[in-house]
Amino acid sequence: MRILKVISLLLDYPGELLRDNRDELAGVITVAREISPTQRTALVGLLDELADGDLMDVQERYSELFDKGRALSLLLFEHVHGESRDRGQAMVDLMAQYTEAGFAIDVRELPDYIPLYLEYLATRDDLVAREGLADVAHLLALLAVRLEERESPYAACFRALLQIAGQPLEETLAELREQVAGETRDDSLEALDKVWEEEQVNFLQAGQQERCGSMAMGPGKAREESAVPLHWVDFKHDGQAAALAQEVRNV
């Protein structure tokens, strides 16, 4: 399902790749019948904003949005398990799922990073991909509403994913809007300082080594700066990805 690959790229740390392949990505969005015309328009609008804006400004806004606080974390299990031991086992299980499907990932990336999970689902048949999205539909809806609350165009990605999963969009989001409206934002300096103080205490406790992986640089930026190219989106340097680019152009 190619639209999942495009949404994966839109949610990843923005770089030149997205700009260089803007027309091809817009073409995939335009013909994606898995989502409504309204959602297609919203995704193209996000693509235009990311491609037209100054790259450093776009990257800064991305980091300000997704890398501060946990409410908008793009790590699935952070919303489910936080820093508990259960999170480590959940990631092991997800890695096993990737391995069984023959989906290899860079060792620098956490398996529950949403753009990576979408990239994995894009390699599966449509039914499996929809089921995979339905499994995390509540988290996708929560992120959609939180992004709407902040008037972020990135909400379009999660609304589209909910449609692909076959969820009743407005009904699903309406159930969460009151909850989100009453939340205290966790990306203020005061909130971040409090989290940092709590994490330092936890870090000193024995038996908490598994949390180290979740303290790395924001996952999107880690992928962008990695020496190993993304295995499907490096249109310029990877032969397999170049074939995908050609496939996109033929849509």
Foldseek 3Di string as FASTA:
>chain_A
DVLLLLLLQLLFQDDVLLLVLVVLSLLCLVPDPLFDPVLSVLSNVSSCCCNVDDVVVSNVVSCLPAVFDDQQDQQLCCVVPNLDPVSVVVQVVLVVVCVVVVHDDDPLARCRRNSNVSVSLVVDDLVVSLVSLVVSLLVLLSNLLLCVVVVHSSSSSSLSSCSSNVHPRVVSNVVCNVVNVPDDDQRDPVNRVVVVVVVVVVVPDPPSVVSPSVPDGRRSVCQVPDPDDDPARPCPPDPNNVVVSVVSVVD
